[in-house]
Amino acid sequence: MSGIFIEDKRLGIRLPHLDKPWEDYSPNEQEAILLEWETIRGLIPDRIAELEREINEKQDALGQEADFARSCQLNADIAELASIVNDLWIWYRVSPNTSFKKQRP
């Protein structure tokens, strides 16, 4: 599946990037793509849990932080991690049977 799934550095998972319309893939290719996506999709809850641990650590640090600039940075870090978690939940809910068919290069 090289070329179909590309590592997204921000999310920490590989995401589908179809280089042609879904219908142009053979049934065997479609099945392989769906199988690979389900494997990747199964890793998303663990990735979310990892990020939530980071959020909790930063929230604990924020509660103890007296320096305003450092507090602002911790808040920004927490917001970015929360945004990543949100995006991961969106990808987790992607139904490949319909979403991959709609995706175009």
Protein backbone atom coordinates (compact mmCIF):
# COMPACT_ATOMS: atom_id res chain seq x y z
CA MET A 1 0.00 0.00 0.00
CA SER A 2 2.95 2.29 -0.46
CA GLY A 3 1.82 5.55 -1.94
CA ILE A 4 -1.78 5.06 -0.88
CA PHE A 5 -1.21 5.72 2.82
CA ILE A 6 1.09 8.59 3.71
CA GLU A 7 2.37 9.43 7.19
CA ASP A 8 0.74 12.52 8.65
CA LYS A 9 3.35 13.91 11.04
CA ARG A 10 0.83 16.05 12.92
CA LEU A 11 -1.63 13.24 13.59
CA GLY A 12 0.97 10.50 13.99
CA ILE A 13 -0.86 8.06 11.70
CA ARG A 14 -0.89 7.22 8.01
CA LEU A 15 -3.79 8.67 6.03
CA PRO A 16 -5.24 7.58 2.68
CA HIS A 17 -4.24 9.59 -0.37
CA LEU A 18 -5.83 8.00 -3.38
CA ASP A 19 -4.09 8.89 -6.62
CA LYS A 20 -7.06 7.95 -8.80
CA PRO A 21 -10.83 7.56 -8.43
CA TRP A 22 -11.93 4.69 -6.18
CA GLU A 23 -13.66 2.95 -9.07
CA ASP A 24 -10.36 2.75 -10.98
CA TYR A 25 -8.86 0.45 -8.36
CA SER A 26 -9.38 -3.25 -8.93
CA PRO A 27 -11.56 -5.14 -6.44
CA ASN A 28 -8.40 -6.70 -4.98
CA GLU A 29 -6.77 -3.28 -4.60
CA GLN A 30 -9.93 -1.89 -2.99
CA GLU A 31 -10.00 -4.77 -0.54
CA ALA A 32 -6.32 -4.29 0.33
CA ILE A 33 -6.85 -0.55 0.84
CA LEU A 34 -9.85 -1.14 3.10
CA LEU A 35 -7.97 -3.77 5.09
CA GLU A 36 -4.99 -1.46 5.56
CA TRP A 37 -7.28 1.40 6.62
CA GLU A 38 -8.99 -0.78 9.21
CA THR A 39 -5.57 -1.68 10.63
CA ILE A 40 -4.58 1.98 10.83
CA ARG A 41 -8.00 2.95 12.17
CA GLY A 42 -7.57 0.42 14.96
CA LEU A 43 -4.48 2.32 16.16
CA ILE A 44 -6.29 5.65 16.50
CA PRO A 45 -7.75 5.09 20.01
CA ASP A 46 -4.25 4.32 21.34
CA ARG A 47 -2.89 7.46 19.68
CA ILE A 48 -5.71 9.49 21.24
CA ALA A 49 -5.00 8.04 24.68
CA GLU A 50 -1.33 8.96 24.28
CA LEU A 51 -2.24 12.55 23.40
CA GLU A 52 -4.72 12.77 26.27
CA ARG A 53 -1.94 11.77 28.67
CA GLU A 54 0.18 14.61 27.26
CA ILE A 55 -2.74 17.01 27.68
CA ASN A 56 -3.17 15.95 31.31
CA GLU A 57 0.54 16.41 32.01
CA LYS A 58 0.48 19.88 30.49
CA GLN A 59 -2.68 20.78 32.42
CA ASP A 60 -0.98 19.68 35.64
CA ALA A 61 2.07 21.80 34.75
CA LEU A 62 -0.20 24.73 33.91
CA GLY A 63 -1.81 24.51 37.35
CA GLN A 64 1.62 24.91 38.95
CA GLU A 65 3.05 27.50 36.53
CA ALA A 66 3.64 31.03 37.82
CA ASP A 67 5.34 32.43 34.71
CA PHE A 68 2.77 34.08 32.41
CA ALA A 69 4.68 33.44 29.18
CA ARG A 70 5.14 29.77 30.06
CA SER A 71 1.41 29.53 30.95
CA CYS A 72 0.53 30.92 27.54
CA GLN A 73 2.79 28.36 25.86
CA LEU A 74 1.27 25.49 27.85
CA ASN A 75 -2.22 26.69 26.88
CA ALA A 76 -1.21 26.81 23.22
CA ASP A 77 0.28 23.31 23.47
CA ILE A 78 -2.89 21.97 25.09
CA ALA A 79 -5.05 23.58 22.40
CA GLU A 80 -2.94 22.03 19.63
CA LEU A 81 -3.05 18.58 21.23
CA ALA A 82 -6.83 18.87 21.66
CA SER A 83 -7.13 19.84 17.99
CA ILE A 84 -5.15 16.74 17.00
CA VAL A 85 -7.40 14.56 19.17
CA ASN A 86 -10.46 16.07 17.49
CA ASP A 87 -9.03 15.40 14.02
CA LEU A 88 -8.16 11.83 14.98
CA TRP A 89 -11.76 11.21 16.12
CA ILE A 90 -12.97 12.51 12.76
CA TRP A 91 -10.67 10.11 10.93
CA TYR A 92 -11.71 7.28 13.25
CA ARG A 93 -15.31 7.80 12.17
CA VAL A 94 -14.48 7.78 8.45
CA SER A 95 -16.40 5.04 6.76
CA PRO A 96 -14.08 3.85 4.03
CA ASN A 97 -16.85 2.33 1.97
CA THR A 98 -18.34 5.77 1.30
CA SER A 99 -15.54 8.23 2.04
CA PHE A 100 -12.90 6.60 -0.14
CA LYS A 101 -15.36 6.46 -3.03
CA LYS A 102 -15.95 10.21 -2.77
CA GLN A 103 -12.28 11.17 -2.48
CA ARG A 104 -10.64 12.49 -5.62
CA PRO A 105 -6.98 13.26 -6.31
